[in-house]
Protein backbone atom coordinates (compact mmCIF):
# COMPACT_ATOMS: atom_id res chain seq x y z
CA MET A 1 -0.20 -0.15 -0.04
CA SER A 2 1.58 3.30 -1.07
CA ASN A 3 2.25 5.93 1.43
CA THR A 4 0.67 9.14 0.91
CA THR A 5 0.78 10.74 4.51
CA ASP A 6 2.52 14.19 5.44
CA ASP A 7 6.21 13.86 5.67
CA SER A 8 6.15 16.19 8.51
CA LEU A 9 4.45 13.67 10.85
CA PRO A 10 6.34 10.93 12.99
CA LYS A 11 5.95 7.71 10.80
CA PHE A 12 6.70 3.90 11.63
CA LYS A 13 7.15 1.05 9.50
CA CYS A 14 4.25 -1.74 9.22
CA ALA A 15 4.75 -5.42 7.49
CA CYS A 16 3.27 -5.10 4.18
CA TYR A 17 1.75 -8.11 1.89
CA PRO A 18 1.30 -8.61 -1.13
CA HIS A 19 4.56 -6.68 -1.73
CA PHE A 20 3.06 -5.31 -4.83
CA SER A 21 1.00 -3.20 -2.63
CA CYS A 22 4.13 -2.07 -0.85
CA ASN A 23 6.69 0.64 -1.26
CA VAL A 24 9.04 -0.31 -4.28
CA ASP A 25 11.34 -3.06 -3.46
CA SER A 26 10.40 -3.47 -0.02
CA ASP A 27 8.24 -5.56 2.33
CA PHE A 28 7.25 -2.60 4.65
CA CYS A 29 5.10 0.60 4.41
CA LEU A 30 5.29 3.88 6.45
CA THR A 31 2.21 5.59 8.31
CA ASP A 32 1.43 7.65 11.06
CA THR A 33 -1.79 6.07 11.81
CA THR A 34 -2.18 2.36 12.32
CA CYS A 35 -0.81 -0.73 10.93
CA TYR A 36 -3.53 -3.61 10.17
CA ALA A 37 -3.68 -7.17 9.34
CA ALA A 38 -6.91 -8.59 7.42
CA ILE A 39 -8.34 -11.83 5.92
CA GLN A 40 -11.27 -12.02 3.61
CA LYS A 41 -13.06 -14.99 2.16
CA SER A 42 -14.21 -15.04 -1.42
CA VAL A 43 -17.93 -15.20 -1.78
CA ASP A 44 -17.58 -16.98 -5.18
CA ASP A 45 -15.05 -19.97 -4.45
CA GLY A 46 -14.34 -19.49 -0.69
CA GLU A 47 -10.59 -18.83 -1.07
CA GLU A 48 -9.12 -16.75 1.60
CA LEU A 49 -7.03 -13.48 0.91
CA ARG A 50 -4.70 -12.48 3.63
CA THR A 51 -3.43 -8.72 3.52
CA MET A 52 -1.27 -6.59 5.73
CA GLY A 53 -0.43 -2.94 5.35
CA CYS A 54 -0.76 0.80 6.48
CA PHE A 55 -3.50 3.08 6.44
CA ALA A 56 -2.80 6.23 4.76
CA ASP A 57 -5.07 8.40 6.81
CA LYS A 58 -6.78 8.25 10.24
CA TYR A 59 -10.39 8.48 8.87
CA ARG A 60 -9.90 5.19 6.65
CA SER A 61 -8.04 3.66 9.64
CA LYS A 62 -11.02 4.49 12.31
CA LEU A 63 -13.74 3.11 9.68
CA MET A 64 -11.81 -0.12 8.82
CA CYS A 65 -10.49 -1.16 12.24
CA LYS A 66 -14.30 -0.86 13.68
CA MET A 67 -15.10 -3.70 11.41
CA ALA A 68 -13.21 -5.98 14.05
CA ALA A 69 -14.80 -9.29 12.63
CA ALA A 70 -17.47 -10.66 10.52
CA PRO A 71 -18.34 -14.23 9.09
CA THR A 72 -16.41 -13.40 5.88
CA VAL A 73 -13.75 -10.70 6.68
CA ALA A 74 -11.71 -9.83 9.66
CA VAL A 75 -9.42 -6.88 10.45
CA LEU A 76 -7.20 -6.09 13.53
CA CYS A 77 -5.46 -3.01 14.04
CA CYS A 78 -2.24 -1.70 15.98
CA ASP A 79 -0.11 1.34 16.20
CA THR A 80 3.82 0.16 16.75
CA GLU A 81 6.33 -0.57 14.38
CA PHE A 82 5.77 -4.05 12.68
CA CYS A 83 2.97 -4.79 15.09
CA ASN A 84 0.89 -6.44 12.45
CA LEU A 85 3.32 -9.36 11.97
CA ARG A 86 1.83 -10.45 15.60
CA LEU A 87 -1.82 -10.13 14.65
CA GLN A 88 -4.01 -12.92 14.16
CA PRO A 89 -7.43 -11.81 12.70
CA GLN A 90 -10.25 -14.34 13.13
CA TYR A 91 -13.56 -14.51 11.50
CA ALA A 92 -16.70 -14.04 13.56
CA PRO A 93 -18.55 -17.19 14.31
CA PRO A 94 -21.73 -17.61 12.07
CA PRO A 95 -25.12 -16.96 13.84
CA ALA A 96 -26.22 -20.29 15.43
CA ILE A 97 -29.17 -21.98 13.79
CA ARG A 98 -31.57 -23.20 16.14
CA GLN A 99 -32.22 -26.87 15.19
CA PRO A 100 -35.94 -28.12 15.46
CA GLY A 101 -36.40 -29.68 19.08
CA HIS A 102 -33.61 -27.65 20.48
CA PRO A 103 -34.72 -26.65 23.99
CA TYR A 104 -34.39 -22.96 23.62
CA SER A 105 -35.78 -22.74 19.89
CA MET A 106 -39.25 -21.55 19.17
CA ASP A 107 -40.86 -22.24 15.74
CA ILE A 108 -42.03 -19.12 13.97
CA GLN A 109 -45.43 -20.65 13.80
CA LEU A 110 -45.63 -20.82 17.61
CA GLN A 111 -44.54 -17.24 17.86
CA LEU A 112 -47.46 -16.08 15.60
CA ALA A 113 -49.72 -18.28 17.70
CA MET A 114 -48.50 -16.70 21.04
CA VAL A 115 -49.10 -13.03 19.22
CA ILE A 116 -52.62 -13.84 18.06
CA LEU A 117 -53.67 -16.21 20.96
CA LEU A 118 -52.41 -14.44 24.03
CA PRO A 119 -54.63 -11.07 23.45
CA MET A 120 -57.69 -13.06 22.82
CA LEU A 121 -56.84 -15.31 25.86
CA LEU A 122 -56.70 -11.83 27.91
CA LEU A 123 -59.82 -10.56 26.49
CA VAL A 124 -61.91 -13.93 27.14
CA VAL A 125 -60.53 -14.43 30.71
CA GLY A 126 -60.03 -10.62 31.79
CA ILE A 127 -63.38 -9.17 31.04
CA PRO A 128 -65.46 -11.85 32.64
CA LEU A 129 -63.13 -11.15 35.70
CA ILE A 130 -63.59 -7.61 35.56
CA LEU A 131 -67.22 -7.81 35.47
CA PHE A 132 -67.43 -10.49 38.46
CA VAL A 133 -65.08 -7.84 40.45
CA CYS A 134 -67.42 -5.13 39.74
CA ARG A 135 -70.74 -6.87 40.36
CA TYR A 136 -69.01 -8.26 43.55
CA ARG A 137 -68.21 -4.81 44.72
CA HIS A 138 -71.67 -3.32 43.81
CA ARG A 139 -73.60 -6.02 45.83
CA GLN A 140 -71.13 -5.25 48.73
CA HIS A 141 -72.01 -1.62 48.45
CA MET A 142 -75.73 -2.24 48.50
CA ASP A 143 -75.33 -4.34 51.69
CA GLU A 144 -73.24 -1.50 53.35
CA LEU A 145 -76.27 0.77 52.30
CA SER A 146 -78.75 -1.58 53.75
CA ALA A 147 -76.72 -1.60 57.17
CA ARG A 148 -76.49 2.16 57.17
CA GLU A 149 -80.26 2.47 56.50
CA ARG A 150 -81.34 -0.06 59.23
CA PHE A 151 -79.43 2.23 61.96
CA LEU A 152 -81.17 5.31 60.70
CA ASN A 153 -83.70 6.87 63.14
CA TYR A 154 -86.70 5.07 62.25
CA ASP A 155 -89.58 3.90 64.59
CA SER A 156 -88.58 1.02 66.75
CA ASP A 157 -91.82 -0.68 66.58
CA ILE A 158 -91.66 -1.66 62.97
CA HIS A 159 -94.61 -3.36 61.11
CA ALA A 160 -96.14 -3.65 57.78
CA GLU A 161 -99.78 -3.54 56.93
CA ALA A 162 -101.87 -4.20 53.72
CA ILE A 163 -102.42 -1.10 51.71
CA GLY A 164 -105.90 -1.78 50.38
CA ASP A 165 -107.73 1.10 48.48
CA SER A 166 -106.77 3.82 50.81
CA THR A 167 -105.31 7.01 49.46
CA LEU A 168 -101.65 8.01 49.94
CA GLN A 169 -102.53 10.71 52.53
CA ASN A 170 -104.70 8.56 54.50
CA PHE A 171 -102.15 5.66 54.43
CA PHE A 172 -99.78 8.34 55.40
CA ASN A 173 -101.35 9.42 58.23
CA HIS A 174 -102.49 5.82 59.39
CA SER A 175 -98.93 4.56 59.37
CA CYS A 176 -97.22 7.30 61.33
CA SER A 177 -97.66 6.65 65.11
CA SER A 178 -99.49 9.27 66.87
CA GLY A 179 -97.75 12.68 67.03
CA SER A 180 -94.44 11.34 65.67
CA GLY A 181 -94.53 13.55 62.58
CA SER A 182 -91.64 11.55 61.09
CA GLY A 183 -91.54 9.30 57.96
CA LEU A 184 -93.19 6.09 57.59
CA PRO A 185 -91.82 2.80 59.33
CA LEU A 186 -89.07 1.16 57.21
CA LEU A 187 -90.74 -1.71 56.17
CA VAL A 188 -93.60 0.44 54.86
CA GLN A 189 -91.27 2.82 53.25
CA ARG A 190 -89.85 0.10 51.09
CA THR A 191 -93.21 -1.09 50.04
CA VAL A 192 -94.18 2.25 48.95
CA ALA A 193 -90.91 2.59 47.07
CA ARG A 194 -91.24 -0.68 45.28
CA GLN A 195 -94.77 0.68 43.99
CA VAL A 196 -93.65 4.08 42.80
CA THR A 197 -93.64 4.83 38.86
CA LEU A 198 -91.40 7.31 37.58
CA LEU A 199 -92.95 9.48 34.84
CA THR A 200 -90.98 12.85 34.06
CA CYS A 201 -87.88 14.47 35.12
CA ILE A 202 -88.82 17.70 36.69
CA GLY A 203 -85.41 19.11 37.61
CA LYS A 204 -81.79 18.58 37.87
CA GLY A 205 -78.85 19.61 40.51
CA ARG A 206 -75.64 18.81 41.71
CA TYR A 207 -77.22 16.02 43.64
CA GLY A 208 -78.97 14.25 40.93
CA GLU A 209 -82.55 14.47 39.60
CA VAL A 210 -85.88 15.09 40.71
CA TRP A 211 -88.75 13.07 39.05
CA ARG A 212 -92.45 13.33 38.95
CA GLY A 213 -93.97 9.86 39.82
CA THR A 214 -97.15 8.01 40.86
CA TYR A 215 -98.03 5.85 43.60
CA GLN A 216 -101.58 4.40 43.70
CA GLY A 217 -102.64 7.22 41.17
CA GLU A 218 -101.41 10.00 43.37
CA ASN A 219 -98.43 12.19 42.40
CA VAL A 220 -95.07 11.97 44.35
CA ALA A 221 -91.82 13.55 44.07
CA VAL A 222 -88.77 11.46 43.84
CA LYS A 223 -85.31 12.96 44.39
CA ILE A 224 -82.85 10.62 42.88
CA PHE A 225 -79.29 10.95 44.30
CA ILE A 226 -76.10 9.90 42.53
CA SER A 227 -74.22 7.31 44.15
CA ARG A 228 -71.24 9.46 45.12
CA ASP A 229 -73.73 11.81 47.09
CA GLU A 230 -74.84 9.04 49.41
CA ARG A 231 -73.86 11.06 52.58
CA SER A 232 -76.49 13.99 51.55
CA TRP A 233 -78.97 10.94 51.04
CA ALA A 234 -78.23 9.35 54.24
CA ARG A 235 -78.22 12.69 56.27
CA GLU A 236 -81.53 14.00 54.54
CA SER A 237 -82.94 10.48 55.19
CA GLU A 238 -82.14 10.82 58.95
CA ILE A 239 -83.31 14.10 59.50
CA TYR A 240 -86.75 13.52 57.62
CA ASN A 241 -87.31 10.64 60.00
CA THR A 242 -86.58 12.84 63.09
CA VAL A 243 -89.37 12.58 65.57
CA LEU A 244 -91.96 15.26 65.59
CA LEU A 245 -90.67 16.85 62.30
CA ARG A 246 -93.86 16.60 60.44
CA HIS A 247 -95.33 20.25 59.87
CA GLU A 248 -97.21 21.91 56.98
CA ASN A 249 -94.48 24.24 56.05
CA ILE A 250 -92.02 21.44 55.94
CA LEU A 251 -91.99 19.20 52.96
CA GLY A 252 -93.76 15.99 53.49
CA PHE A 253 -91.74 12.86 53.56
CA ILE A 254 -93.01 9.54 52.46
CA ALA A 255 -90.09 7.18 52.14
CA SER A 256 -86.40 6.75 51.47
CA ASP A 257 -85.31 3.58 49.34
CA MET A 258 -82.24 2.46 47.38
CA THR A 259 -82.70 0.38 44.28
CA SER A 260 -80.36 -0.86 41.54
CA ARG A 261 -80.95 -0.15 37.71
CA HIS A 262 -78.27 -1.33 35.17
CA SER A 263 -75.67 -2.15 37.63
CA CYS A 264 -76.01 1.49 39.04
CA THR A 265 -76.91 2.48 42.54
CA GLN A 266 -79.94 4.82 42.85
CA LEU A 267 -80.69 6.24 46.26
CA TRP A 268 -84.41 7.77 46.34
CA LEU A 269 -86.03 10.11 48.51
CA ILE A 270 -89.64 10.08 48.08
CA THR A 271 -91.97 13.22 49.13
CA HIS A 272 -95.06 14.88 48.54
CA TYR A 273 -95.43 16.48 45.05
CA HIS A 274 -96.21 20.54 44.61
CA GLU A 275 -97.02 21.30 41.10
CA HIS A 276 -95.85 24.86 41.71
CA GLY A 277 -92.20 23.87 42.00
CA SER A 278 -89.69 25.70 43.94
CA LEU A 279 -90.16 29.15 45.06
CA TYR A 280 -87.59 30.28 42.48
CA ASP A 281 -89.61 29.02 39.95
CA TYR A 282 -92.81 30.15 41.33
CA LEU A 283 -91.02 33.86 41.52
CA ASN A 284 -89.91 33.65 37.78
CA ARG A 285 -93.51 32.93 36.59
CA HIS A 286 -95.69 34.93 38.76
CA VAL A 287 -96.16 38.59 39.82
CA LEU A 288 -97.58 38.79 43.61
CA ASN A 289 -99.91 41.18 45.45
CA GLN A 290 -99.06 42.10 48.97
CA GLU A 291 -101.07 39.54 50.59
CA ALA A 292 -99.78 36.66 48.35
CA GLY A 293 -96.15 37.86 48.94
CA LEU A 294 -96.74 38.03 52.96
CA ARG A 295 -98.28 34.49 53.04
CA LEU A 296 -95.26 33.11 51.04
CA MET A 297 -92.84 35.12 53.70
CA HIS A 298 -94.82 34.17 56.63
CA SER A 299 -95.37 30.46 55.60
CA ALA A 300 -91.72 29.95 54.81
CA ALA A 301 -90.81 31.70 58.29
CA ALA A 302 -93.18 29.20 60.10
CA GLY A 303 -91.53 26.21 58.62
CA LEU A 304 -88.03 27.80 59.80
CA VAL A 305 -89.47 28.17 63.29
CA HIS A 306 -90.46 24.65 63.34
CA LEU A 307 -86.98 23.66 62.18
CA HIS A 308 -85.17 25.94 64.75
CA THR A 309 -87.33 24.89 67.76
CA GLU A 310 -86.37 22.02 70.11
CA ILE A 311 -89.34 20.14 71.36
CA PHE A 312 -88.70 18.36 74.96
CA GLY A 313 -90.52 15.41 75.99
CA THR A 314 -90.09 11.50 75.84
CA GLN A 315 -90.12 11.68 72.20
CA GLY A 316 -88.84 15.15 71.81
CA LYS A 317 -87.34 16.79 68.63
CA PRO A 318 -83.81 18.52 68.36
CA ALA A 319 -83.51 22.09 67.13
CA ILE A 320 -82.47 21.79 63.60
CA ALA A 321 -80.65 24.38 61.30
CA HIS A 322 -81.09 24.24 57.57
CA ARG A 323 -77.63 25.68 56.69
CA ASP A 324 -78.77 26.19 52.97
CA ILE A 325 -81.97 28.30 52.97
CA LYS A 326 -82.63 29.83 49.26
CA THR A 327 -85.64 30.21 47.12
CA LYS A 328 -84.81 26.83 45.13
CA ASN A 329 -84.87 24.90 48.47
CA ILE A 330 -88.29 26.22 49.39
CA LEU A 331 -91.34 24.72 47.50
CA VAL A 332 -94.69 26.56 46.82
CA LYS A 333 -97.93 24.59 47.72
CA ARG A 334 -101.19 24.71 45.86
CA ASN A 335 -102.55 27.10 48.72
CA GLY A 336 -100.11 29.48 48.17
CA GLN A 337 -97.97 28.74 51.24
CA CYS A 338 -94.28 27.64 51.41
CA CYS A 339 -92.81 24.37 52.62
CA ILE A 340 -89.00 24.14 53.31
CA ALA A 341 -87.08 21.18 51.53
CA ASP A 342 -83.58 19.93 51.18
CA LEU A 343 -82.36 19.17 54.57
CA GLY A 344 -79.13 17.25 53.45
CA LEU A 345 -76.98 19.84 54.97
CA ALA A 346 -78.91 20.34 58.37
CA VAL A 347 -77.16 20.40 61.71
CA THR A 348 -79.07 19.32 64.91
CA HIS A 349 -78.81 20.11 68.40
CA SER A 350 -80.27 18.67 71.78
CA GLN A 351 -80.08 20.65 75.02
CA LYS A 352 -80.29 17.44 76.94
CA THR A 353 -77.09 16.10 75.64
CA GLY A 354 -75.48 19.34 74.57
CA MET A 355 -74.32 17.73 71.39
CA ILE A 356 -74.16 19.47 67.99
CA ASP A 357 -74.62 16.89 65.20
CA ILE A 358 -73.20 18.19 61.77
CA GLY A 359 -73.33 14.88 60.25
CA SER A 360 -70.58 13.35 57.95
CA ASN A 361 -71.51 15.44 54.81
CA ASN A 362 -68.65 17.93 53.98
CA LYS A 363 -70.62 20.06 51.66
CA VAL A 364 -71.15 23.60 52.23
CA GLY A 365 -74.15 25.85 51.33
CA THR A 366 -74.73 28.06 48.38
CA LYS A 367 -72.30 30.92 48.43
CA ARG A 368 -74.58 33.66 47.19
CA TYR A 369 -76.64 33.28 50.37
CA MET A 370 -73.84 32.94 52.96
CA ALA A 371 -73.84 34.80 55.96
CA PRO A 372 -70.66 37.34 56.69
CA GLU A 373 -69.42 34.98 59.51
CA LEU A 374 -69.35 31.79 56.99
CA LEU A 375 -67.47 33.74 54.56
CA ASP A 376 -64.99 35.26 56.88
CA GLU A 377 -64.75 32.02 58.82
CA THR A 378 -65.53 33.43 62.00
CA LEU A 379 -68.61 31.20 62.63
CA ASN A 380 -68.29 29.35 65.85
CA PRO A 381 -69.42 25.82 65.10
CA GLU A 382 -69.46 24.91 68.84
CA CYS A 383 -72.47 27.19 69.30
CA PHE A 384 -75.64 26.17 67.72
CA ASP A 385 -76.94 29.77 67.76
CA SER A 386 -74.48 30.49 65.24
CA PHE A 387 -75.98 28.06 62.71
CA ARG A 388 -79.53 29.50 63.41
CA ARG A 389 -78.36 33.24 62.66
CA ALA A 390 -76.82 32.00 59.41
CA ASP A 391 -80.27 30.79 58.65
CA ILE A 392 -81.83 34.06 59.42
CA TYR A 393 -79.37 36.03 57.10
CA ALA A 394 -80.31 33.73 54.17
CA TYR A 395 -83.93 34.17 54.95
CA GLY A 396 -83.62 37.87 54.79
CA LEU A 397 -82.41 37.40 51.27
CA VAL A 398 -85.44 35.49 50.39
CA MET A 399 -87.90 38.13 51.60
CA TRP A 400 -85.97 40.54 49.35
CA GLU A 401 -86.42 38.42 46.40
CA ILE A 402 -90.09 37.76 47.04
CA THR A 403 -90.56 41.61 47.90
CA ARG A 404 -89.07 42.21 44.17
CA ARG A 405 -92.01 40.43 42.61
CA THR A 406 -94.72 42.01 44.67
CA VAL A 407 -96.52 44.97 43.20
CA CYS A 408 -95.84 48.33 45.06
CA CYS A 409 -97.16 51.74 43.59
CA GLY A 410 -98.42 50.09 40.54
CA MET A 411 -94.78 48.52 39.76
CA VAL A 412 -92.90 45.29 40.05
CA GLU A 413 -89.25 44.18 39.38
CA ASP A 414 -88.23 41.13 37.12
CA TYR A 415 -87.00 38.40 39.14
CA GLN A 416 -83.32 38.44 40.08
CA PRO A 417 -81.27 36.64 42.74
CA PRO A 418 -79.74 38.60 45.37
CA PHE A 419 -76.61 40.52 44.25
CA TRP A 420 -77.43 39.71 40.71
CA GLY A 421 -75.18 42.15 38.33
CA ILE A 422 -72.54 42.57 41.06
CA VAL A 423 -71.17 39.20 41.06
CA PRO A 424 -70.92 36.56 38.52
CA SER A 425 -73.91 33.89 38.02
CA ASP A 426 -71.80 31.21 40.08
CA PRO A 427 -69.57 33.58 42.56
CA SER A 428 -66.70 32.39 44.11
CA PHE A 429 -66.01 32.29 47.74
CA GLU A 430 -63.75 35.14 47.42
CA ASP A 431 -66.28 37.23 45.29
CA MET A 432 -68.98 36.91 48.21
CA ARG A 433 -66.33 37.57 50.93
CA LYS A 434 -65.26 40.87 49.33
CA LEU A 435 -68.76 41.81 48.47
CA VAL A 436 -70.40 40.98 51.94
CA CYS A 437 -67.79 41.21 54.49
CA VAL A 438 -65.15 43.88 53.19
CA GLU A 439 -67.53 46.28 51.42
CA LYS A 440 -70.44 45.04 53.47
CA GLN A 441 -72.87 45.42 50.52
CA ARG A 442 -76.58 44.14 51.05
CA PRO A 443 -79.42 44.08 48.10
CA VAL A 444 -80.56 47.38 47.08
CA ILE A 445 -84.17 48.40 48.56
CA PRO A 446 -86.15 50.90 46.30
CA ASN A 447 -87.14 54.09 47.87
CA ARG A 448 -90.87 53.40 46.88
CA TRP A 449 -90.58 50.05 49.11
CA THR A 450 -90.25 52.32 52.10
CA THR A 451 -92.99 54.75 51.23
CA ASP A 452 -95.54 51.95 51.19
CA THR A 453 -97.25 51.43 54.81
CA ILE A 454 -96.84 47.38 54.36
CA LEU A 455 -93.73 47.08 52.61
CA HIS A 456 -91.95 49.45 54.96
CA GLN A 457 -92.37 47.22 57.73
CA VAL A 458 -90.98 44.22 55.52
CA CYS A 459 -88.07 46.26 54.89
CA ARG A 460 -87.12 46.79 58.33
CA LEU A 461 -87.37 43.12 58.97
CA MET A 462 -85.07 42.52 56.06
CA ARG A 463 -82.31 44.95 57.36
CA GLU A 464 -82.60 43.35 60.63
CA SER A 465 -82.22 39.86 59.40
CA TRP A 466 -79.11 40.54 57.48
CA ALA A 467 -77.34 42.39 59.99
CA GLN A 468 -73.54 42.42 59.89
CA ASN A 469 -73.32 41.34 63.57
CA PRO A 470 -75.02 37.97 64.18
CA ALA A 471 -76.18 38.83 67.50
CA ALA A 472 -78.24 41.76 66.17
CA ARG A 473 -80.38 39.67 64.00
CA LEU A 474 -84.00 38.95 64.75
CA THR A 475 -84.94 35.40 65.60
CA ILE A 476 -87.21 33.65 63.48
CA LEU A 477 -89.94 33.41 65.61
CA ARG A 478 -89.75 37.31 66.02
CA ILE A 479 -89.85 37.58 62.31
CA LYS A 480 -92.79 35.08 61.92
CA LYS A 481 -94.93 37.08 64.60
CA THR A 482 -94.12 40.25 63.01
CA LEU A 483 -95.27 39.07 59.58
CA ALA A 484 -98.38 37.62 61.24
CA LYS A 485 -99.36 41.01 62.54
CA VAL A 486 -98.47 42.75 59.10
CA LEU A 487 -100.70 40.39 57.21
CA GLU A 488 -103.62 40.54 59.67
CA SER A 489 -103.50 44.52 59.30
CA LEU A 490 -103.51 44.18 55.64
CA GLU A 491 -106.33 41.70 55.70
CA LEU A 492 -108.38 44.36 58.18
CA SER A 493 -107.60 47.06 55.78
CA GLU A 494 -108.91 45.31 52.69
CA HIS A 495 -111.90 44.22 54.56
CA LYS A 496 -112.91 47.81 55.42
CA LEU A 497 -112.76 48.71 51.91
């Protein structure tokens, strides 16, 4: 191999073979890179050719020396004088051919079969296994719900009776023990629930849906909770089954039950049906005269009085704070009165034990209706009066909403929720805290309300209900008595006319 390297670099000798590729009349070559020894097997006849020599440049040296060994060619390199005389390049061994029956061989057909059959096997075995686990966990969950329902505060004397042809109201009155005011006994509740037919969905919320259904030809309302809201269902069922809770201005409770449809757990709360829907819907659709507006306010206050009042006795009733008073949680009955619903966030208190039962539901009320002490987190949860005063604040906002839809001086406003236009439709906690606690704003009271003899007294009640200091707010009993006097004076004045 001829030497073409730069003479300025130090060079050393390498053995060279065959001689015709070396320097003239010599058996060596000069290089400043590497010597090599190589063997190459002819593809045609298998004849082997051995060569030795020099690489003329370092790039070719790096490329060829990296070949090392292959089944038909082998190259070894070194970088000292005549070092390639000692090099013995060897071919790389040919790839092993696995013979049929060899313990480590695997036939191609077997590999293909594994690739095809393994996923199919996983589907055939895996899917039924997953379904079995899901059904098992669902059955286990239903058993847990059954156990929890048995421990709710139902009447201890449980018995089932034939229903016959009695109406729902008669059946309800007959099944309740004298003066208890709670729901039906457990076994009877389940009898009713199994015979309810769902007809139309009449509302949806964060908890689930409300359906109109029928039981023995009469309308009932069925509130269906989603399974993840089980705590609200359990709490509301527990509160509705409280002894002596039954009152004309509290939504009539019939039964609670759970059912499974399409492998999905449904939690039912069955109550009386009121075709007018919520006070929120009613105010959007109706304009009120002063008497109608006062009746809505007074009846809602009466229901709240019954909740807030503790009844003492052998089978007494604890005091209950609602914690989510708003127009969407108050229903309008056919006689123009209100009844309070949605007791899933209620808290109870008994003076006998001194215990405040908040329940296990960690949800909070509606931010738009939250009292200042809730927004700035100064409410004392160890004082039950704190919860009652927060209800009073929210009730004052409800009074404002009713008054907006009451005709005054021949004028009436469109329905709007409290603080509309000031905060977003779904205000954040911080939005309301800044507005109510920092800026101390309240809904605007038009001047013409204060000039009206009747509404002037209502406005005074509003302001005293939503006072910044909770201790300065009126009790709900005082509000109810004042509204009763205002309503009586209005009826007397209209009678004289």
